Amino acid sequence: MKIDIENKLIAAIDKAHEDRQGKPRPHMGVSMIGDPCDRRLWLSFRWAVQEKFSGRLLRVFRRGHQEEISIIQDLRDAGLAVMGTNGYQEKVDFGSHVSGSIDGIITSGVPEAPNKKHIAEFKTHSLKSFNDLVAHGVQKSKPLHYTQMQGYMHGTGIDRALYVAVCKDDDRIHTERVKYNKEVAEKAINRAKRIALEDRMPPPLTMDPTWFQCRFCPAHEFCHETKTTKHVNCRTCAHSTAKDDSTWRCELNDSAEIPIEFQHEGCVEHVLHPDLVPWQRKAGENEWSAVYVIDGKDVQNGSPDVRVFSSKEILANPSGCASDNPIIKAVREIFPGAEIVK
């Protein structure tokens, strides 16, 4: 008799990784500013679309991080001086919420320019990805990585980067020295700042749901199907504003700064940002509430009471909030704080 524990064990391992999955980053990362879609960057920065990874993918990411240790050791063994590693990463901050962390800085030893500093960027690749990189070079094959290095060079004043790629299938190594391109760097950084500070959602890269860059985008469902966020937090609230000093301010509370940790949950006064739901919006009873037309009915959105529904309730069951079900009203009158949860 075969005792099969493999599937349960794998599921348990993957669940452990998924349970440790971190919260979305508070800033717009330099690693993402080369993405061609303004809307994807805006939705991600607004925490309106939050990409959740499977346990298997999280293990793949872990392998990539662990590989950095081996790459650094190989570089040092080859005579290169590498700084900013082993848990410490040099930061670049461009203001307006745009910043990033550098894998490392090579201060000397690159054979083609032994006395010149280089930004170090380390990546692991599948066999197919690695072969494409070798055939076409990082600028064409991996434009996000190329733009990322341009941002880091711009932020540090170092005009060369060393891209080190490792193939996970056969351990081949590919390296490229990349020159600083001021025009590319400034254009990407200025674009990222503009997107981060925009109050309204920008248009998508394309309206074609089959477009190759859309098919694998975490915002595909939002853009091409639901038009509805799944998340209630300060950044999906109509009251919040991203400021150019890299803070978030709550207009409801006299433009008070919103602490990062508080932003993840928000408050009961949350009103859904009009670009993050598909319904027509009307003015509410006051400037801090709204009315959304759902199933032909006016639904008040704001601090919940008998007649007003919270953002979480509306996202959980929009039709239920729109119904004139007398039971819902009666329960809310008898039990203050009762909520629609599905």
Protein backbone atom coordinates (compact mmCIF):
# COMPACT_ATOMS: atom_id res chain seq x y z
CA MET A 1 0.00 0.00 0.00
CA LYS A 2 1.37 3.41 -1.02
CA ILE A 3 0.94 6.20 1.47
CA ASP A 4 0.74 9.41 -0.56
CA ILE A 5 1.76 12.44 1.48
CA GLU A 6 3.45 14.40 -1.31
CA ASN A 7 0.54 16.58 -2.36
CA LYS A 8 -0.41 17.49 1.21
CA LEU A 9 3.19 18.25 2.07
CA ILE A 10 3.70 20.46 -1.00
CA ALA A 11 0.45 22.26 -0.25
CA ALA A 12 1.56 22.88 3.33
CA ILE A 13 4.95 24.22 2.19
CA ASP A 14 3.33 26.54 -0.35
CA LYS A 15 0.74 27.75 2.16
CA ALA A 16 3.50 28.65 4.62
CA HIS A 17 5.08 30.87 1.96
CA GLU A 18 1.74 32.40 1.00
CA ASP A 19 0.92 33.19 4.64
CA ARG A 20 4.17 35.14 4.92
CA GLN A 21 3.47 37.16 1.79
CA GLY A 22 4.18 40.79 2.53
CA LYS A 23 2.02 43.86 2.17
CA PRO A 24 2.29 45.97 -1.00
CA ARG A 25 5.26 48.30 -1.08
CA PRO A 26 4.53 51.89 -0.08
CA HIS A 27 6.49 53.48 -2.94
CA MET A 28 6.64 53.14 -6.70
CA GLY A 29 9.68 50.97 -7.18
CA VAL A 30 12.37 51.77 -9.73
CA SER A 31 12.22 48.11 -10.74
CA MET A 32 8.74 48.75 -12.19
CA ILE A 33 9.04 52.16 -13.86
CA GLY A 34 9.93 50.61 -17.21
CA ASP A 35 6.49 48.98 -17.44
CA PRO A 36 4.80 50.41 -20.56
CA CYS A 37 1.30 50.70 -19.04
CA ASP A 38 0.55 53.86 -17.05
CA ARG A 39 -2.63 52.31 -15.66
CA ARG A 40 -0.90 49.23 -14.29
CA LEU A 41 1.62 51.39 -12.43
CA TRP A 42 -1.16 53.61 -11.04
CA LEU A 43 -3.34 50.71 -9.90
CA SER A 44 -0.39 49.00 -8.25
CA PHE A 45 0.77 52.17 -6.49
CA ARG A 46 -2.80 52.83 -5.34
CA TRP A 47 -3.03 49.29 -3.92
CA ALA A 48 -6.18 48.91 -6.03
CA VAL A 49 -4.79 45.79 -7.72
CA GLN A 50 -2.58 43.73 -5.44
CA GLU A 51 -0.67 40.89 -7.01
CA LYS A 52 -0.71 37.76 -4.87
CA PHE A 53 1.70 34.99 -5.75
CA SER A 54 1.38 31.25 -5.36
CA GLY A 55 3.64 29.43 -2.97
CA ARG A 56 5.54 27.95 -5.90
CA LEU A 57 6.28 31.37 -7.37
CA LEU A 58 7.32 32.69 -3.99
CA ARG A 59 9.79 29.83 -3.77
CA VAL A 60 11.08 30.79 -7.22
CA PHE A 61 11.60 34.36 -5.99
CA ARG A 62 13.40 33.04 -2.94
CA ARG A 63 15.75 31.09 -5.16
CA GLY A 64 16.52 34.28 -7.07
CA HIS A 65 17.37 36.12 -3.85
CA GLN A 66 19.55 33.26 -2.67
CA GLU A 67 21.34 33.20 -6.00
CA GLU A 68 22.52 36.76 -5.38
CA ILE A 69 24.77 35.48 -2.60
CA SER A 70 26.43 33.04 -4.99
CA ILE A 71 26.80 35.66 -7.72
CA ILE A 72 28.44 38.09 -5.31
CA GLN A 73 30.83 35.42 -4.10
CA ASP A 74 31.74 34.54 -7.70
CA LEU A 75 32.40 38.21 -8.48
CA ARG A 76 34.57 38.63 -5.41
CA ASP A 77 36.47 35.45 -6.21
CA ALA A 78 37.12 36.93 -9.66
CA GLY A 79 38.67 40.02 -8.05
CA LEU A 80 35.74 42.46 -8.07
CA ALA A 81 35.05 44.65 -5.03
CA VAL A 82 31.31 44.55 -4.35
CA MET A 83 29.54 46.78 -1.81
CA GLY A 84 25.98 47.08 -0.55
CA THR A 85 25.08 43.43 -0.11
CA ASN A 86 24.41 40.84 2.60
CA GLY A 87 21.10 42.37 3.69
CA TYR A 88 22.03 46.01 3.13
CA GLN A 89 20.97 47.70 -0.08
CA GLU A 90 21.87 51.18 -1.24
CA LYS A 91 18.74 53.31 -1.70
CA VAL A 92 17.88 55.84 -4.36
CA ASP A 93 15.00 58.25 -3.74
CA PHE A 94 13.74 60.59 -6.44
CA GLY A 95 10.90 62.09 -4.38
CA SER A 96 7.20 62.02 -5.29
CA HIS A 97 6.99 58.41 -4.03
CA VAL A 98 9.52 57.02 -6.54
CA SER A 99 12.45 55.11 -5.02
CA GLY A 100 14.34 51.82 -5.18
CA SER A 101 17.03 49.56 -3.73
CA ILE A 102 20.21 48.61 -5.56
CA ASP A 103 21.54 45.04 -5.54
CA GLY A 104 25.09 46.29 -5.09
CA ILE A 105 27.82 48.66 -6.20
CA ILE A 106 31.04 47.37 -7.73
CA THR A 107 33.81 49.77 -6.79
CA SER A 108 36.58 48.11 -8.83
CA GLY A 109 37.69 45.03 -10.69
CA VAL A 110 35.45 44.78 -13.76
CA PRO A 111 37.94 43.49 -16.39
CA GLU A 112 36.95 45.96 -19.12
CA ALA A 113 37.23 48.93 -16.72
CA PRO A 114 38.96 47.83 -13.51
CA ASN A 115 39.02 51.25 -11.86
CA LYS A 116 35.46 52.27 -12.71
CA LYS A 117 32.41 51.98 -10.43
CA HIS A 118 29.42 50.01 -11.68
CA ILE A 119 25.87 49.56 -10.47
CA ALA A 120 25.38 45.81 -9.99
CA GLU A 121 22.12 44.20 -11.08
CA PHE A 122 21.62 40.46 -10.55
CA LYS A 123 18.88 38.37 -12.16
CA THR A 124 18.06 34.69 -12.62
CA HIS A 125 16.34 33.43 -15.78
CA SER A 126 14.59 30.38 -17.12
CA LEU A 127 16.24 28.69 -20.09
CA LYS A 128 13.98 30.38 -22.64
CA SER A 129 14.38 33.81 -21.05
CA PHE A 130 18.14 33.40 -20.75
CA ASN A 131 18.56 32.40 -24.39
CA ASP A 132 16.53 35.40 -25.52
CA LEU A 133 18.67 37.65 -23.34
CA VAL A 134 21.88 36.28 -24.85
CA ALA A 135 20.51 36.64 -28.37
CA HIS A 136 19.16 40.19 -28.08
CA GLY A 137 20.81 41.88 -25.10
CA VAL A 138 19.23 43.29 -21.96
CA GLN A 139 17.89 46.52 -23.48
CA LYS A 140 15.75 44.70 -26.03
CA SER A 141 15.09 41.45 -24.18
CA LYS A 142 14.44 42.85 -20.69
CA PRO A 143 13.48 46.54 -20.98
CA LEU A 144 12.28 46.67 -17.36
CA HIS A 145 15.72 45.59 -16.16
CA TYR A 146 17.40 48.05 -18.51
CA THR A 147 15.25 50.96 -17.29
CA GLN A 148 15.79 49.88 -13.69
CA MET A 149 19.56 50.15 -14.12
CA GLN A 150 19.19 53.54 -15.80
CA GLY A 151 17.26 54.77 -12.77
CA TYR A 152 19.89 53.48 -10.36
CA MET A 153 22.70 55.05 -12.36
CA HIS A 154 20.84 58.35 -12.44
CA GLY A 155 20.25 58.25 -8.70
CA THR A 156 23.85 57.47 -7.76
CA GLY A 157 25.80 59.40 -10.38
CA ILE A 158 27.50 56.17 -11.49
CA ASP A 159 27.55 55.99 -15.29
CA ARG A 160 28.00 52.24 -15.80
CA ALA A 161 26.07 49.16 -14.70
CA LEU A 162 27.03 45.50 -14.76
CA TYR A 163 24.12 43.18 -15.48
CA VAL A 164 24.78 39.63 -14.30
CA ALA A 165 22.27 36.97 -15.33
CA VAL A 166 22.31 33.28 -14.37
CA CYS A 167 20.39 30.54 -16.17
CA LYS A 168 18.59 28.41 -13.59
CA ASP A 169 18.56 25.39 -15.90
CA ASP A 170 22.27 25.02 -16.64
CA ASP A 171 24.05 27.68 -14.54
CA ARG A 172 25.35 29.61 -17.54
CA ILE A 173 26.28 33.21 -16.78
CA HIS A 174 25.66 36.20 -19.03
CA THR A 175 27.11 39.64 -18.27
CA GLU A 176 26.64 43.01 -19.91
CA ARG A 177 28.07 46.42 -19.20
CA VAL A 178 25.38 49.05 -19.67
CA LYS A 179 26.06 52.74 -20.29
CA TYR A 180 24.11 55.48 -18.54
CA ASN A 181 21.52 57.13 -20.78
CA LYS A 182 20.35 60.37 -19.18
CA GLU A 183 17.40 60.79 -21.54
CA VAL A 184 16.03 57.31 -20.84
CA ALA A 185 16.53 57.68 -17.07
CA GLU A 186 14.95 61.12 -16.74
CA LYS A 187 12.00 60.23 -18.96
CA ALA A 188 11.23 57.09 -16.91
CA ILE A 189 11.61 58.82 -13.54
CA ASN A 190 9.52 61.85 -14.52
CA ARG A 191 6.81 59.58 -15.91
CA ALA A 192 6.75 57.56 -12.68
CA LYS A 193 6.40 60.74 -10.60
CA ARG A 194 3.57 61.97 -12.79
CA ILE A 195 1.67 58.69 -12.47
CA ALA A 196 2.18 58.51 -8.70
CA LEU A 197 0.74 62.00 -8.20
CA GLU A 198 -2.22 61.63 -10.55
CA ASP A 199 -5.59 61.74 -8.80
CA ARG A 200 -7.40 60.08 -11.68
CA MET A 201 -6.69 56.73 -13.27
CA PRO A 202 -4.75 56.97 -16.55
CA PRO A 203 -5.84 55.09 -19.68
CA PRO A 204 -4.58 51.54 -20.30
CA LEU A 205 -1.88 50.53 -22.72
CA THR A 206 -4.57 48.97 -24.93
CA MET A 207 -8.23 48.00 -24.79
CA ASP A 208 -7.44 44.62 -26.37
CA PRO A 209 -7.64 41.95 -23.62
CA THR A 210 -5.65 39.52 -25.79
CA TRP A 211 -2.65 41.84 -26.14
CA PHE A 212 0.43 39.95 -24.94
CA GLN A 213 1.35 42.51 -22.29
CA CYS A 214 -2.22 42.50 -20.97
CA ARG A 215 -2.79 38.75 -20.84
CA PHE A 216 -0.32 38.23 -18.00
CA CYS A 217 -0.91 41.54 -16.22
CA PRO A 218 -2.31 41.37 -12.67
CA ALA A 219 -4.73 44.16 -13.64
CA HIS A 220 -6.24 42.16 -16.53
CA GLU A 221 -9.40 41.27 -14.63
CA PHE A 222 -9.88 44.85 -13.46
CA CYS A 223 -9.31 46.45 -16.86
CA HIS A 224 -11.12 44.01 -19.10
CA GLU A 225 -13.79 42.45 -16.87
CA THR A 226 -14.90 43.89 -13.53
CA LYS A 227 -13.64 47.52 -13.51
CA THR A 228 -13.84 47.05 -9.74
CA THR A 229 -11.15 47.05 -7.09
CA LYS A 230 -11.17 44.31 -4.45
CA HIS A 231 -9.40 46.39 -1.84
CA VAL A 232 -10.48 48.93 0.75
CA ASN A 233 -7.57 51.01 2.00
CA CYS A 234 -6.60 54.67 2.15
CA ARG A 235 -5.22 54.62 -1.37
CA THR A 236 -8.48 53.41 -2.90
CA CYS A 237 -10.38 56.13 -1.04
CA ALA A 238 -11.63 59.29 -2.73
CA HIS A 239 -10.49 61.35 0.27
CA SER A 240 -6.77 60.59 -0.02
CA THR A 241 -4.17 62.46 -2.07
CA ALA A 242 -0.60 61.50 -2.95
CA LYS A 243 1.66 64.52 -2.39
CA ASP A 244 4.96 65.44 -3.98
CA ASP A 245 6.75 65.19 -0.61
CA SER A 246 6.13 61.41 -0.76
CA THR A 247 3.35 61.51 1.83
CA TRP A 248 -0.35 60.71 1.62
CA ARG A 249 -2.84 63.22 2.95
CA CYS A 250 -6.45 62.79 4.04
CA GLU A 251 -8.61 65.65 2.79
CA LEU A 252 -11.36 64.55 5.18
CA ASN A 253 -9.06 65.31 8.13
CA ASP A 254 -7.70 68.71 7.14
CA SER A 255 -5.00 67.22 4.89
CA ALA A 256 -3.42 65.34 7.81
CA GLU A 257 -0.62 62.96 6.88
CA ILE A 258 -1.70 59.31 6.79
CA PRO A 259 0.84 56.93 8.38
CA ILE A 260 1.89 54.08 6.10
CA GLU A 261 0.67 51.32 8.43
CA PHE A 262 -2.74 53.00 8.78
CA GLN A 263 -3.08 53.24 5.01
CA HIS A 264 -3.41 49.46 4.68
CA GLU A 265 -6.76 49.37 6.49
CA GLY A 266 -8.13 52.89 6.28
CA CYS A 267 -11.13 54.08 8.30
CA VAL A 268 -14.91 53.78 8.31
CA GLU A 269 -15.20 57.06 6.40
CA HIS A 270 -13.77 55.39 3.29
CA VAL A 271 -15.48 56.36 0.04
CA LEU A 272 -14.66 54.36 -3.06
CA HIS A 273 -12.56 56.23 -5.63
CA PRO A 274 -14.84 56.79 -8.65
CA ASP A 275 -12.30 55.34 -11.10
CA LEU A 276 -12.11 52.05 -9.17
CA VAL A 277 -15.75 51.03 -9.54
CA PRO A 278 -17.95 50.73 -12.65
CA TRP A 279 -20.99 52.59 -11.37
CA GLN A 280 -22.22 56.10 -12.07
CA ARG A 281 -21.37 58.45 -9.20
CA LYS A 282 -23.59 61.16 -7.83
CA ALA A 283 -22.93 63.77 -5.19
CA GLY A 284 -23.61 62.58 -1.66
CA GLU A 285 -25.47 64.37 1.12
CA ASN A 286 -22.24 66.20 1.91
CA GLU A 287 -18.79 66.61 0.34
CA TRP A 288 -17.42 63.59 2.22
CA SER A 289 -19.89 60.99 0.94
CA ALA A 290 -21.00 59.72 -2.44
CA VAL A 291 -23.91 57.99 -4.09
CA TYR A 292 -23.32 55.19 -6.58
CA VAL A 293 -26.05 54.01 -8.95
CA ILE A 294 -26.07 50.21 -8.65
CA ASP A 295 -28.73 48.12 -10.41
CA GLY A 296 -30.59 51.37 -11.08
CA LYS A 297 -30.76 52.26 -7.38
CA ASP A 298 -28.95 55.01 -5.47
CA VAL A 299 -26.57 53.54 -2.89
CA GLN A 300 -24.99 55.90 -0.38
CA ASN A 301 -21.32 55.24 0.34
CA GLY A 302 -19.56 56.56 3.41
CA SER A 303 -19.55 56.08 7.17
CA PRO A 304 -22.11 53.29 7.58
CA ASP A 305 -25.49 53.71 9.22
CA VAL A 306 -29.01 52.53 8.44
CA ARG A 307 -29.05 54.27 5.05
CA VAL A 308 -25.34 54.42 4.22
CA PHE A 309 -23.16 51.47 3.24
CA SER A 310 -19.46 51.15 3.84
CA SER A 311 -17.07 50.54 0.95
CA LYS A 312 -16.41 46.99 2.20
CA GLU A 313 -20.14 46.23 2.14
CA ILE A 314 -20.59 47.59 -1.36
CA LEU A 315 -17.65 45.58 -2.72
CA ALA A 316 -18.82 42.45 -0.89
CA ASN A 317 -22.38 42.59 -2.27
CA PRO A 318 -23.27 45.57 -4.46
CA SER A 319 -26.68 44.19 -5.41
CA GLY A 320 -27.49 43.48 -1.77
CA CYS A 321 -26.69 47.08 -0.87
CA ALA A 322 -28.85 48.28 -3.76
CA SER A 323 -31.85 46.13 -2.85
CA ASP A 324 -34.74 47.59 -0.91
CA ASN A 325 -34.83 44.51 1.29
CA PRO A 326 -36.65 45.59 4.48
CA ILE A 327 -34.87 42.89 6.48
CA ILE A 328 -31.51 44.53 5.87
CA LYS A 329 -32.82 47.88 7.05
CA ALA A 330 -34.47 46.34 10.11
CA VAL A 331 -31.33 44.46 11.13
CA ARG A 332 -29.20 47.59 10.78
CA GLU A 333 -31.68 49.53 12.95
CA ILE A 334 -31.75 46.86 15.67
CA PHE A 335 -28.05 46.06 15.58
CA PRO A 336 -25.92 49.17 14.99
CA GLY A 337 -22.70 48.11 13.34
CA ALA A 338 -24.26 45.14 11.51
CA GLU A 339 -22.63 44.75 8.11
CA ILE A 340 -23.27 43.02 4.81
CA VAL A 341 -20.31 40.66 4.38
CA LYS A 342 -21.22 38.73 1.22
